[in-house]
Amino acid sequence: SYCVEMAGGEATSLAGKQLSSLKSNQRLEFLGDAVLGLVAAWALYKDNPNATEGELTKMRA
């Protein structure tokens, strides 16, 4: 694997940087999925004021 010398003189592999970036992207994807789920749940809740919890859950699924 390739190495990159950092400003402090330490070397780090590009593969390590890519893995770190991938983990960060996965965490952001997790957060984004949660936000989208919240928006969908809020829209269902707002648009169906007489629906029960079970009905809202079925609509969300």
N, C-alpha and C. Protein backbone atom coordinates (compact mmCIF):
# COMPACT_ATOMS: atom_id res chain seq x y z
N SER A 1 0.84 -1.18 0.00
CA SER A 1 0.00 0.00 0.00
C SER A 1 0.89 1.24 0.00
N TYR A 2 0.36 2.32 -0.53
CA TYR A 2 1.12 3.56 -0.61
C TYR A 2 1.14 4.25 0.75
N CYS A 3 2.19 5.03 0.97
CA CYS A 3 2.30 5.79 2.21
C CYS A 3 2.36 7.27 1.90
N VAL A 4 1.80 8.06 2.77
CA VAL A 4 1.83 9.51 2.64
C VAL A 4 2.50 10.06 3.89
N GLU A 5 3.47 10.96 3.70
CA GLU A 5 4.13 11.55 4.86
C GLU A 5 3.33 12.75 5.32
N MET A 6 3.01 12.77 6.56
CA MET A 6 2.23 13.86 7.12
C MET A 6 3.15 15.01 7.52
N ALA A 7 2.59 16.18 7.81
CA ALA A 7 3.37 17.36 8.16
C ALA A 7 4.26 17.11 9.37
N GLY A 8 3.81 16.31 10.31
CA GLY A 8 4.59 16.03 11.51
C GLY A 8 5.67 14.99 11.29
N GLY A 9 5.83 14.50 10.07
CA GLY A 9 6.86 13.52 9.77
C GLY A 9 6.39 12.09 9.88
N GLU A 10 5.18 11.86 10.39
CA GLU A 10 4.69 10.48 10.49
C GLU A 10 4.07 10.07 9.16
N ALA A 11 4.13 8.80 8.88
CA ALA A 11 3.59 8.29 7.63
C ALA A 11 2.31 7.52 7.92
N THR A 12 1.38 7.62 7.00
CA THR A 12 0.13 6.87 7.12
C THR A 12 -0.21 6.30 5.76
N SER A 13 -0.83 5.16 5.72
CA SER A 13 -1.14 4.53 4.44
C SER A 13 -2.41 5.12 3.85
N LEU A 14 -2.48 5.16 2.54
CA LEU A 14 -3.69 5.63 1.87
C LEU A 14 -4.85 4.70 2.17
N ALA A 15 -4.57 3.40 2.28
CA ALA A 15 -5.62 2.44 2.59
C ALA A 15 -6.23 2.76 3.95
N GLY A 16 -5.40 3.14 4.90
CA GLY A 16 -5.89 3.52 6.22
C GLY A 16 -6.76 4.75 6.16
N LYS A 17 -6.36 5.73 5.35
CA LYS A 17 -7.16 6.94 5.19
C LYS A 17 -8.50 6.62 4.54
N GLN A 18 -8.49 5.75 3.53
CA GLN A 18 -9.73 5.39 2.85
C GLN A 18 -10.67 4.66 3.80
N LEU A 19 -10.13 3.78 4.62
CA LEU A 19 -10.96 3.05 5.58
C LEU A 19 -11.58 4.01 6.59
N SER A 20 -10.79 4.96 7.06
CA SER A 20 -11.30 5.95 8.00
C SER A 20 -12.40 6.78 7.36
N SER A 21 -12.21 7.17 6.11
CA SER A 21 -13.22 7.95 5.39
C SER A 21 -14.48 7.13 5.19
N LEU A 22 -14.33 5.84 4.88
CA LEU A 22 -15.48 4.96 4.68
C LEU A 22 -16.29 4.85 5.97
N LYS A 23 -15.61 4.68 7.10
CA LYS A 23 -16.30 4.59 8.38
C LYS A 23 -17.06 5.88 8.67
N SER A 24 -16.44 7.01 8.36
CA SER A 24 -17.08 8.30 8.58
C SER A 24 -18.32 8.42 7.70
N ASN A 25 -18.22 8.00 6.44
CA ASN A 25 -19.37 8.06 5.53
C ASN A 25 -20.49 7.15 6.02
N GLN A 26 -20.14 6.00 6.55
CA GLN A 26 -21.16 5.07 7.06
C GLN A 26 -21.89 5.68 8.25
N ARG A 27 -21.16 6.40 9.09
CA ARG A 27 -21.79 7.06 10.23
C ARG A 27 -22.74 8.16 9.76
N LEU A 28 -22.31 8.92 8.75
CA LEU A 28 -23.18 9.96 8.20
C LEU A 28 -24.41 9.36 7.53
N GLU A 29 -24.22 8.23 6.86
CA GLU A 29 -25.36 7.55 6.23
C GLU A 29 -26.36 7.10 7.29
N PHE A 30 -25.86 6.57 8.40
CA PHE A 30 -26.71 6.16 9.51
C PHE A 30 -27.54 7.35 10.01
N LEU A 31 -26.88 8.48 10.19
CA LEU A 31 -27.56 9.68 10.67
C LEU A 31 -28.59 10.17 9.65
N GLY A 32 -28.21 10.16 8.38
CA GLY A 32 -29.13 10.58 7.33
C GLY A 32 -30.36 9.71 7.26
N ASP A 33 -30.17 8.40 7.40
CA ASP A 33 -31.31 7.48 7.40
C ASP A 33 -32.26 7.78 8.56
N ALA A 34 -31.69 8.10 9.71
CA ALA A 34 -32.52 8.42 10.88
C ALA A 34 -33.31 9.70 10.65
N VAL A 35 -32.69 10.70 10.05
CA VAL A 35 -33.38 11.96 9.77
C VAL A 35 -34.51 11.73 8.78
N LEU A 36 -34.25 10.97 7.72
CA LEU A 36 -35.30 10.68 6.74
C LEU A 36 -36.46 9.92 7.38
N GLY A 37 -36.14 8.99 8.27
CA GLY A 37 -37.18 8.25 8.98
C GLY A 37 -38.04 9.17 9.83
N LEU A 38 -37.40 10.13 10.49
CA LEU A 38 -38.13 11.09 11.31
C LEU A 38 -39.05 11.95 10.46
N VAL A 39 -38.55 12.42 9.32
CA VAL A 39 -39.36 13.25 8.42
C VAL A 39 -40.56 12.46 7.91
N ALA A 40 -40.34 11.21 7.53
CA ALA A 40 -41.45 10.37 7.04
C ALA A 40 -42.47 10.14 8.15
N ALA A 41 -42.01 9.85 9.35
CA ALA A 41 -42.92 9.62 10.48
C ALA A 41 -43.72 10.89 10.79
N TRP A 42 -43.07 12.04 10.77
CA TRP A 42 -43.77 13.30 11.06
C TRP A 42 -44.84 13.58 10.00
N ALA A 43 -44.52 13.34 8.73
CA ALA A 43 -45.49 13.58 7.66
C ALA A 43 -46.70 12.68 7.83
N LEU A 44 -46.48 11.41 8.14
CA LEU A 44 -47.60 10.49 8.36
C LEU A 44 -48.43 10.92 9.57
N TYR A 45 -47.76 11.30 10.63
CA TYR A 45 -48.44 11.74 11.86
C TYR A 45 -49.31 12.96 11.59
N LYS A 46 -48.74 13.92 10.88
CA LYS A 46 -49.43 15.18 10.59
C LYS A 46 -50.60 14.98 9.62
N ASP A 47 -50.40 14.14 8.61
CA ASP A 47 -51.41 13.95 7.56
C ASP A 47 -52.51 12.97 7.95
N ASN A 48 -52.34 12.24 9.03
CA ASN A 48 -53.32 11.23 9.46
C ASN A 48 -53.63 11.41 10.94
N PRO A 49 -54.30 12.50 11.30
CA PRO A 49 -54.51 12.81 12.72
C PRO A 49 -55.37 11.79 13.48
N ASN A 50 -56.17 11.00 12.78
CA ASN A 50 -57.03 10.03 13.45
C ASN A 50 -56.47 8.62 13.44
N ALA A 51 -55.30 8.43 12.85
CA ALA A 51 -54.71 7.09 12.76
C ALA A 51 -54.15 6.66 14.11
N THR A 52 -54.27 5.37 14.38
CA THR A 52 -53.69 4.82 15.61
C THR A 52 -52.19 4.59 15.40
N GLU A 53 -51.51 4.29 16.49
CA GLU A 53 -50.08 4.00 16.41
C GLU A 53 -49.83 2.84 15.45
N GLY A 54 -50.63 1.80 15.56
CA GLY A 54 -50.47 0.63 14.69
C GLY A 54 -50.67 0.97 13.22
N GLU A 55 -51.67 1.79 12.94
CA GLU A 55 -51.93 2.19 11.55
C GLU A 55 -50.77 3.03 11.00
N LEU A 56 -50.26 3.94 11.82
CA LEU A 56 -49.12 4.75 11.39
C LEU A 56 -47.89 3.88 11.13
N THR A 57 -47.69 2.89 11.98
CA THR A 57 -46.56 1.97 11.80
C THR A 57 -46.68 1.21 10.50
N LYS A 58 -47.88 0.73 10.18
CA LYS A 58 -48.09 0.01 8.92
C LYS A 58 -47.86 0.92 7.72
N MET A 59 -48.31 2.16 7.81
CA MET A 59 -48.12 3.11 6.71
C MET A 59 -46.64 3.42 6.50
N ARG A 60 -45.90 3.47 7.59
CA ARG A 60 -44.47 3.80 7.50
C ARG A 60 -43.67 2.65 6.92
N ALA A 61 -44.13 1.43 7.11
CA ALA A 61 -43.37 0.25 6.67
C ALA A 61 -43.35 0.04 5.19
